[in-house]
Protein backbone atom coordinates (compact mmCIF):
# COMPACT_ATOMS: atom_id res chain seq x y z
CA MET A 1 134.10 32.25 56.88
CA PRO A 2 135.12 36.07 58.22
CA LEU A 3 135.30 36.75 61.65
CA SER A 4 132.81 38.67 63.67
CA ALA A 5 133.66 42.00 64.81
CA SER A 6 133.22 40.42 68.64
CA GLN A 7 136.09 38.05 67.07
CA LEU A 8 138.21 40.47 65.72
CA LEU A 9 138.13 42.55 69.51
CA THR A 10 138.59 39.19 71.48
CA LYS A 11 141.74 38.45 68.93
CA ALA A 12 142.97 42.20 69.30
CA LEU A 13 143.16 41.84 72.86
CA HIS A 14 144.59 38.79 72.77
CA LEU A 15 147.43 40.20 70.71
CA LEU A 16 147.62 42.78 72.46
CA ASP A 17 148.15 40.97 75.89
CA ARG A 18 150.70 38.91 74.26
CA GLY A 19 152.87 41.57 73.74
CA ASP A 20 152.03 42.06 69.35
CA ILE A 21 150.93 45.94 69.28
CA GLU A 22 151.29 45.91 65.33
CA GLY A 23 148.75 42.89 65.09
CA GLY A 24 146.47 44.10 68.05
CA GLU A 25 146.35 47.68 66.39
CA THR A 26 145.47 46.25 63.06
CA LEU A 27 142.51 43.92 64.41
CA LEU A 28 141.12 46.88 66.67
CA ARG A 29 140.84 48.41 63.14
CA GLN A 30 139.32 45.93 61.29
CA ALA A 31 136.55 45.14 64.88
CA ALA A 32 135.34 48.71 64.80
CA GLY A 33 134.94 48.67 60.84
CA SER A 34 133.38 45.75 61.32
CA SER A 35 131.33 46.56 63.74
CA ALA A 36 130.28 49.81 61.95
CA GLU A 37 129.07 47.68 58.84
CA THR A 38 127.05 45.10 60.89
CA ALA A 39 125.43 47.75 63.50
CA ASP A 40 127.26 46.82 66.52
CA SER A 41 127.70 49.20 68.45
CA VAL A 42 129.02 47.45 71.81
CA THR A 43 131.89 46.34 69.68
CA ALA A 44 132.68 49.65 67.96
CA VAL A 45 132.80 51.57 71.00
CA THR A 46 134.74 49.17 72.36
CA ALA A 47 137.31 48.52 69.87
CA LEU A 48 137.62 52.26 69.48
CA CYS A 49 138.10 52.69 73.23
CA CYS A 50 140.68 50.07 73.48
CA LEU A 51 142.41 51.97 69.78
CA GLY A 52 142.24 55.42 71.01
CA GLU A 53 144.37 53.92 74.55
CA LEU A 54 146.68 52.44 72.37
CA LEU A 55 147.46 55.15 70.62
CA VAL A 56 147.45 57.46 73.96
CA GLN A 57 150.01 55.29 74.91
CA GLN A 58 151.76 55.60 71.25
CA GLY A 59 152.39 58.98 72.27
CA ARG A 60 150.40 59.43 68.90
CA ARG A 61 148.00 62.46 70.18
CA THR A 62 146.48 63.08 66.89
CA GLU A 63 144.99 60.14 66.22
CA ALA A 64 143.99 59.00 69.77
CA VAL A 65 142.00 62.14 69.83
CA GLU A 66 139.95 61.23 66.59
CA THR A 67 139.41 57.93 67.30
CA LEU A 68 138.46 58.81 70.89
CA ARG A 69 136.02 61.24 69.46
CA SER A 70 134.98 58.71 67.37
CA CYS A 71 134.45 56.27 69.90
CA LEU A 72 132.20 58.89 71.48
CA ALA A 73 130.21 59.27 68.23
CA VAL A 74 128.78 55.95 68.58
CA PRO A 75 125.03 56.08 68.68
CA LEU A 76 123.77 53.23 71.25
CA PRO A 77 120.28 52.74 72.13
CA ASP A 78 119.67 53.88 75.73
CA ASP A 79 119.35 50.52 76.69
CA LEU A 80 123.04 49.57 75.70
CA ALA A 81 124.26 52.75 77.64
CA GLU A 82 125.08 51.66 80.47
CA VAL A 83 126.63 48.67 78.80
CA CYS A 84 129.70 50.75 77.36
CA ALA A 85 129.32 53.83 80.35
CA ALA A 86 132.83 52.54 81.35
CA GLU A 87 134.63 52.93 77.71
CA ARG A 88 132.90 56.06 77.15
CA ALA A 89 133.68 57.27 80.32
CA THR A 90 137.93 56.21 79.76
CA ALA A 91 137.54 57.77 75.84
CA ARG A 92 136.00 61.02 77.44
CA GLN A 93 139.41 61.04 80.40
CA HIS A 94 142.01 60.34 77.86
CA LEU A 95 140.30 63.35 75.64
CA ALA A 96 140.09 65.78 78.66
CA ASP A 97 144.08 64.60 79.75
CA LEU A 98 145.11 65.27 76.14
CA ALA A 99 143.58 68.68 75.79
């Protein structure tokens, strides 16, 4: 049985915590893609924000800007906007820093 988007995100964060940057990046991309397919907007925002931060840390500016913009473009129902407020604020801050 394949992992859900939220499971992929959790696994990605564990890999990143252990220093497996490549594995973490791969799973963040998978989580973002899977969450888009299943309309899991909270996981999409979180995965894209984390991926954007990772790309910023790696100096991959162009990819980071694109990813952070994608994070901000994920449609959220009003009842979920507050849940993702911190991630969206982080994405906006990184974009401002990269401008």
